[in-house]
């Protein structure tokens, strides 16, 4: 179950990355949507690292999993 959540977070991070790139190109830096997208991506990254650490600490995932 935790592996699927990690996969979901990775996909969400990629979507946020491409959304931020789209906003950067479309808005040309005139709005704060790119910065907002970066904030979302950083939050997702923190959740991803916390989830991976939790999975390793509890033994639900391992180095060879």
PDB file of N, CA and C in Angstrom:
ATOM      1  N   UNK A   1       0.813  -1.190   0.000  1.00  0.00           N
ATOM      2  CA  UNK A   1       0.000   0.000   0.000  1.00  0.00           C
ATOM      3  C   UNK A   1       0.865   1.266   0.000  1.00  0.00           C
ATOM      4  N   UNK A   2       1.931   1.240   0.770  1.00  0.00           N
ATOM      5  CA  UNK A   2       2.787   2.424   0.858  1.00  0.00           C
ATOM      6  C   UNK A   2       3.521   2.679  -0.472  1.00  0.00           C
ATOM      7  N   UNK A   3       3.782   1.607  -1.209  1.00  0.00           N
ATOM      8  CA  UNK A   3       4.448   1.776  -2.506  1.00  0.00           C
ATOM      9  C   UNK A   3       3.566   2.534  -3.486  1.00  0.00           C
ATOM     10  N   UNK A   4       2.257   2.265  -3.430  1.00  0.00           N
ATOM     11  CA  UNK A   4       1.333   2.976  -4.309  1.00  0.00           C
ATOM     12  C   UNK A   4       1.226   4.447  -3.929  1.00  0.00           C
ATOM     13  N   UNK A   5       1.282   4.725  -2.623  1.00  0.00           N
ATOM     14  CA  UNK A   5       1.246   6.116  -2.179  1.00  0.00           C
ATOM     15  C   UNK A   5       2.501   6.859  -2.627  1.00  0.00           C
ATOM     16  N   UNK A   6       3.651   6.193  -2.558  1.00  0.00           N
ATOM     17  CA  UNK A   6       4.899   6.798  -3.029  1.00  0.00           C
ATOM     18  C   UNK A   6       4.826   7.061  -4.527  1.00  0.00           C
ATOM     19  N   UNK A   7       4.297   6.111  -5.274  1.00  0.00           N
ATOM     20  CA  UNK A   7       4.128   6.295  -6.715  1.00  0.00           C
ATOM     21  C   UNK A   7       3.179   7.460  -7.005  1.00  0.00           C
ATOM     22  N   UNK A   8       2.103   7.560  -6.241  1.00  0.00           N
ATOM     23  CA  UNK A   8       1.165   8.673  -6.393  1.00  0.00           C
ATOM     24  C   UNK A   8       1.864  10.012  -6.153  1.00  0.00           C
ATOM     25  N   UNK A   9       2.695  10.091  -5.120  1.00  0.00           N
ATOM     26  CA  UNK A   9       3.398  11.340  -4.819  1.00  0.00           C
ATOM     27  C   UNK A   9       4.384  11.704  -5.922  1.00  0.00           C
ATOM     28  N   UNK A  10       5.045  10.714  -6.502  1.00  0.00           N
ATOM     29  CA  UNK A  10       5.983  10.981  -7.598  1.00  0.00           C
ATOM     30  C   UNK A  10       5.236  11.527  -8.813  1.00  0.00           C
ATOM     31  N   UNK A  11       4.102  10.917  -9.125  1.00  0.00           N
ATOM     32  CA  UNK A  11       3.294  11.391 -10.259  1.00  0.00           C
ATOM     33  C   UNK A  11       2.776  12.799  -9.984  1.00  0.00           C
ATOM     34  N   UNK A  12       2.335  13.051  -8.760  1.00  0.00           N
ATOM     35  CA  UNK A  12       1.861  14.390  -8.402  1.00  0.00           C
ATOM     36  C   UNK A  12       2.976  15.422  -8.519  1.00  0.00           C
ATOM     37  N   UNK A  13       4.196  15.035  -8.160  1.00  0.00           N
ATOM     38  CA  UNK A  13       5.325  15.945  -8.278  1.00  0.00           C
ATOM     39  C   UNK A  13       5.621  16.262  -9.749  1.00  0.00           C
ATOM     40  N   UNK A  14       5.550  15.261 -10.601  1.00  0.00           N
ATOM     41  CA  UNK A  14       5.773  15.500 -12.026  1.00  0.00           C
ATOM     42  C   UNK A  14       4.691  16.394 -12.622  1.00  0.00           C
ATOM     43  N   UNK A  15       3.456  16.171 -12.225  1.00  0.00           N
ATOM     44  CA  UNK A  15       2.372  17.029 -12.710  1.00  0.00           C
ATOM     45  C   UNK A  15       2.598  18.469 -12.266  1.00  0.00           C
ATOM     46  N   UNK A  16       3.004  18.663 -11.021  1.00  0.00           N
ATOM     47  CA  UNK A  16       3.283  20.001 -10.523  1.00  0.00           C
ATOM     48  C   UNK A  16       4.459  20.639 -11.268  1.00  0.00           C
ATOM     49  N   UNK A  17       5.453  19.828 -11.592  1.00  0.00           N
ATOM     50  CA  UNK A  17       6.603  20.338 -12.342  1.00  0.00           C
ATOM     51  C   UNK A  17       6.187  20.859 -13.713  1.00  0.00           C
ATOM     52  N   UNK A  18       5.414  20.067 -14.437  1.00  0.00           N
ATOM     53  CA  UNK A  18       4.983  20.489 -15.776  1.00  0.00           C
ATOM     54  C   UNK A  18       3.982  21.636 -15.716  1.00  0.00           C
ATOM     55  N   UNK A  19       3.165  21.678 -14.676  1.00  0.00           N
ATOM     56  CA  UNK A  19       2.246  22.796 -14.506  1.00  0.00           C
ATOM     57  C   UNK A  19       3.017  24.091 -14.270  1.00  0.00           C
ATOM     58  N   UNK A  20       4.036  24.020 -13.425  1.00  0.00           N
ATOM     59  CA  UNK A  20       4.865  25.199 -13.185  1.00  0.00           C
ATOM     60  C   UNK A  20       5.576  25.670 -14.442  1.00  0.00           C
ATOM     61  N   UNK A  21       6.071  24.731 -15.243  1.00  0.00           N
ATOM     62  CA  UNK A  21       6.699  25.099 -16.512  1.00  0.00           C
ATOM     63  C   UNK A  21       5.723  25.748 -17.467  1.00  0.00           C
ATOM     64  N   UNK A  22       4.499  25.216 -17.500  1.00  0.00           N
ATOM     65  CA  UNK A  22       3.467  25.805 -18.356  1.00  0.00           C
ATOM     66  C   UNK A  22       3.148  27.220 -17.917  1.00  0.00           C
ATOM     67  N   UNK A  23       2.991  27.429 -16.600  1.00  0.00           N
ATOM     68  CA  UNK A  23       2.703  28.769 -16.092  1.00  0.00           C
ATOM     69  C   UNK A  23       3.855  29.720 -16.364  1.00  0.00           C
ATOM     70  N   UNK A  24       5.073  29.230 -16.258  1.00  0.00           N
ATOM     71  CA  UNK A  24       6.239  30.072 -16.502  1.00  0.00           C
ATOM     72  C   UNK A  24       6.257  30.564 -17.953  1.00  0.00           C
ATOM     73  N   UNK A  25       5.943  29.668 -18.871  1.00  0.00           N
ATOM     74  CA  UNK A  25       5.946  30.040 -20.291  1.00  0.00           C
ATOM     75  C   UNK A  25       4.750  30.928 -20.623  1.00  0.00           C
ATOM     76  N   UNK A  26       3.567  30.561 -20.115  1.00  0.00           N
ATOM     77  CA  UNK A  26       2.357  31.286 -20.472  1.00  0.00           C
ATOM     78  C   UNK A  26       2.303  32.673 -19.839  1.00  0.00           C
ATOM     79  N   UNK A  27       2.626  32.776 -18.545  1.00  0.00           N
ATOM     80  CA  UNK A  27       2.486  34.052 -17.830  1.00  0.00           C
ATOM     81  C   UNK A  27       3.691  34.965 -17.977  1.00  0.00           C
ATOM     82  N   UNK A  28       4.819  34.411 -18.362  1.00  0.00           N
ATOM     83  CA  UNK A  28       6.065  35.175 -18.533  1.00  0.00           C
ATOM     84  C   UNK A  28       6.461  35.919 -17.262  1.00  0.00           C
ATOM     85  N   UNK A  29       6.211  35.285 -16.100  1.00  0.00           N
ATOM     86  CA  UNK A  29       6.649  35.848 -14.831  1.00  0.00           C
ATOM     87  C   UNK A  29       5.795  36.975 -14.294  1.00  0.00           C
ATOM     88  N   UNK A  30       4.618  37.205 -14.862  1.00  0.00           N
ATOM     89  CA  UNK A  30       3.788  38.318 -14.404  1.00  0.00           C
ATOM     90  C   UNK A  30       2.832  37.935 -13.284  1.00  0.00           C
ATOM     91  N   UNK A  31       2.640  36.650 -13.061  1.00  0.00           N
ATOM     92  CA  UNK A  31       1.767  36.220 -11.972  1.00  0.00           C
ATOM     93  C   UNK A  31       2.579  35.363 -10.996  1.00  0.00           C
ATOM     94  N   UNK A  32       1.940  34.996  -9.896  1.00  0.00           N
ATOM     95  CA  UNK A  32       2.620  34.198  -8.877  1.00  0.00           C
ATOM     96  C   UNK A  32       2.283  32.725  -8.980  1.00  0.00           C
ATOM     97  N   UNK A  33       1.680  32.305 -10.091  1.00  0.00           N
ATOM     98  CA  UNK A  33       1.297  30.903 -10.216  1.00  0.00           C
ATOM     99  C   UNK A  33       2.504  29.981 -10.269  1.00  0.00           C
ATOM    100  N   UNK A  34       3.607  30.434 -10.846  1.00  0.00           N
ATOM    101  CA  UNK A  34       4.815  29.607 -10.893  1.00  0.00           C
ATOM    102  C   UNK A  34       5.369  29.391  -9.484  1.00  0.00           C
ATOM    103  N   UNK A  35       5.390  30.428  -8.691  1.00  0.00           N
ATOM    104  CA  UNK A  35       5.872  30.305  -7.311  1.00  0.00           C
ATOM    105  C   UNK A  35       4.934  29.427  -6.489  1.00  0.00           C
ATOM    106  N   UNK A  36       3.649  29.540  -6.721  1.00  0.00           N
ATOM    107  CA  UNK A  36       2.686  28.696  -6.025  1.00  0.00           C
ATOM    108  C   UNK A  36       2.903  27.230  -6.390  1.00  0.00           C
ATOM    109  N   UNK A  37       3.154  26.970  -7.664  1.00  0.00           N
ATOM    110  CA  UNK A  37       3.424  25.604  -8.115  1.00  0.00           C
ATOM    111  C   UNK A  37       4.702  25.066  -7.477  1.00  0.00           C
ATOM    112  N   UNK A  38       5.697  25.909  -7.303  1.00  0.00           N
ATOM    113  CA  UNK A  38       6.930  25.495  -6.630  1.00  0.00           C
ATOM    114  C   UNK A  38       6.652  25.139  -5.175  1.00  0.00           C
ATOM    115  N   UNK A  39       5.826  25.913  -4.518  1.00  0.00           N
ATOM    116  CA  UNK A  39       5.467  25.616  -3.137  1.00  0.00           C
ATOM    117  C   UNK A  39       4.744  24.285  -3.002  1.00  0.00           C
ATOM    118  N   UNK A  40       3.862  24.004  -3.941  1.00  0.00           N
ATOM    119  CA  UNK A  40       3.163  22.718  -3.951  1.00  0.00           C
ATOM    120  C   UNK A  40       4.168  21.584  -4.147  1.00  0.00           C
ATOM    121  N   UNK A  41       5.100  21.769  -5.072  1.00  0.00           N
ATOM    122  CA  UNK A  41       6.097  20.735  -5.368  1.00  0.00           C
ATOM    123  C   UNK A  41       7.011  20.476  -4.176  1.00  0.00           C
ATOM    124  N   UNK A  42       7.396  21.514  -3.472  1.00  0.00           N
ATOM    125  CA  UNK A  42       8.233  21.346  -2.271  1.00  0.00           C
ATOM    126  C   UNK A  42       7.449  20.606  -1.193  1.00  0.00           C
ATOM    127  N   UNK A  43       6.179  20.925  -1.030  1.00  0.00           N
ATOM    128  CA  UNK A  43       5.346  20.230  -0.047  1.00  0.00           C
ATOM    129  C   UNK A  43       5.216  18.748  -0.391  1.00  0.00           C
ATOM    130  N   UNK A  44       5.027  18.450  -1.663  1.00  0.00           N
ATOM    131  CA  UNK A  44       4.931  17.054  -2.097  1.00  0.00           C
ATOM    132  C   UNK A  44       6.254  16.336  -1.846  1.00  0.00           C
ATOM    133  N   UNK A  45       7.377  17.015  -2.094  1.00  0.00           N
ATOM    134  CA  UNK A  45       8.682  16.398  -1.874  1.00  0.00           C
ATOM    135  C   UNK A  45       8.902  16.078  -0.398  1.00  0.00           C
ATOM    136  N   UNK A  46       8.475  16.981   0.488  1.00  0.00           N
ATOM    137  CA  UNK A  46       8.604  16.723   1.926  1.00  0.00           C
ATOM    138  C   UNK A  46       7.751  15.519   2.324  1.00  0.00           C
ATOM    139  N   UNK A  47       6.526  15.455   1.803  1.00  0.00           N
ATOM    140  CA  UNK A  47       5.671  14.300   2.092  1.00  0.00           C
ATOM    141  C   UNK A  47       6.276  13.013   1.540  1.00  0.00           C
ATOM    142  N   UNK A  48       6.906  13.086   0.370  1.00  0.00           N
ATOM    143  CA  UNK A  48       7.527  11.909  -0.231  1.00  0.00           C
ATOM    144  C   UNK A  48       8.682  11.402   0.624  1.00  0.00           C
ATOM    145  N   UNK A  49       9.560  12.304   1.053  1.00  0.00           N
ATOM    146  CA  UNK A  49      10.684  11.894   1.895  1.00  0.00           C
ATOM    147  C   UNK A  49      10.202  11.339   3.234  1.00  0.00           C
ATOM    148  N   UNK A  50       9.181  11.961   3.813  1.00  0.00           N
ATOM    149  CA  UNK A  50       8.642  11.467   5.081  1.00  0.00           C
ATOM    150  C   UNK A  50       8.028  10.082   4.907  1.00  0.00           C
ATOM    151  N   UNK A  51       7.344   9.861   3.797  1.00  0.00           N
ATOM    152  CA  UNK A  51       6.734   8.558   3.535  1.00  0.00           C
ATOM    153  C   UNK A  51       7.795   7.484   3.316  1.00  0.00           C
ATOM    154  N   UNK A  52       8.836   7.818   2.576  1.00  0.00           N
ATOM    155  CA  UNK A  52       9.919   6.856   2.351  1.00  0.00           C
ATOM    156  C   UNK A  52      10.615   6.536   3.668  1.00  0.00           C
ATOM    157  N   UNK A  53      10.881   7.546   4.475  1.00  0.00           N
ATOM    158  CA  UNK A  53      11.519   7.315   5.768  1.00  0.00           C
ATOM    159  C   UNK A  53      10.635   6.445   6.655  1.00  0.00           C
ATOM    160  N   UNK A  54       9.343   6.721   6.679  1.00  0.00           N
ATOM    161  CA  UNK A  54       8.406   5.930   7.476  1.00  0.00           C
ATOM    162  C   UNK A  54       8.391   4.471   6.998  1.00  0.00           C
ATOM    163  N   UNK A  55       8.368   4.281   5.692  1.00  0.00           N
ATOM    164  CA  UNK A  55       8.364   2.926   5.139  1.00  0.00           C
ATOM    165  C   UNK A  55       9.636   2.160   5.467  1.00  0.00           C
ATOM    166  N   UNK A  56      10.760   2.828   5.424  1.00  0.00           N
ATOM    167  CA  UNK A  56      12.018   2.183   5.781  1.00  0.00           C
ATOM    168  C   UNK A  56      12.088   1.882   7.281  1.00  0.00           C
ATOM    169  N   UNK A  57      11.606   2.819   8.095  1.00  0.00           N
ATOM    170  CA  UNK A  57      11.663   2.635   9.553  1.00  0.00           C
ATOM    171  C   UNK A  57      10.761   1.503  10.029  1.00  0.00           C
ATOM    172  N   UNK A  58       9.619   1.340   9.383  1.00  0.00           N
ATOM    173  CA  UNK A  58       8.686   0.298   9.804  1.00  0.00           C
ATOM    174  C   UNK A  58       8.904  -1.030   9.102  1.00  0.00           C
ATOM    175  N   UNK A  59       9.796  -1.042   8.112  1.00  0.00           N
ATOM    176  CA  UNK A  59      10.082  -2.279   7.404  1.00  0.00           C
ATOM    177  C   UNK A  59       9.108  -2.597   6.287  1.00  0.00           C
ATOM    178  N   UNK A  60       8.229  -1.683   5.958  1.00  0.00           N
ATOM    179  CA  UNK A  60       7.276  -1.922   4.871  1.00  0.00           C
ATOM    180  C   UNK A  60       7.940  -1.871   3.508  1.00  0.00           C
ATOM    181  N   UNK A  61       9.006  -1.104   3.394  1.00  0.00           N
ATOM    182  CA  UNK A  61       9.810  -1.097   2.175  1.00  0.00           C
ATOM    183  C   UNK A  61      11.262  -1.291   2.583  1.00  0.00           C
ATOM    184  N   UNK A  62      12.059  -1.758   1.654  1.00  0.00           N
ATOM    185  CA  UNK A  62      13.469  -1.981   1.939  1.00  0.00           C
ATOM    186  C   UNK A  62      14.312  -1.593   0.755  1.00  0.00           C
ATOM    187  N   UNK A  63      15.617  -1.713   0.891  1.00  0.00           N
ATOM    188  CA  UNK A  63      16.507  -1.330  -0.212  1.00  0.00           C
ATOM    189  C   UNK A  63      16.278  -2.143  -1.487  1.00  0.00           C
ATOM    190  N   UNK A  64      15.845  -3.366  -1.352  1.00  0.00           N
ATOM    191  CA  UNK A  64      15.650  -4.213  -2.539  1.00  0.00           C
ATOM    192  C   UNK A  64      14.201  -4.339  -2.951  1.00  0.00           C
ATOM    193  N   UNK A  65      13.315  -3.551  -2.336  1.00  0.00           N
ATOM    194  CA  UNK A  65      11.883  -3.694  -2.604  1.00  0.00           C
ATOM    195  C   UNK A  65      11.487  -2.995  -3.882  1.00  0.00           C
TER     196      UNK A  65
END
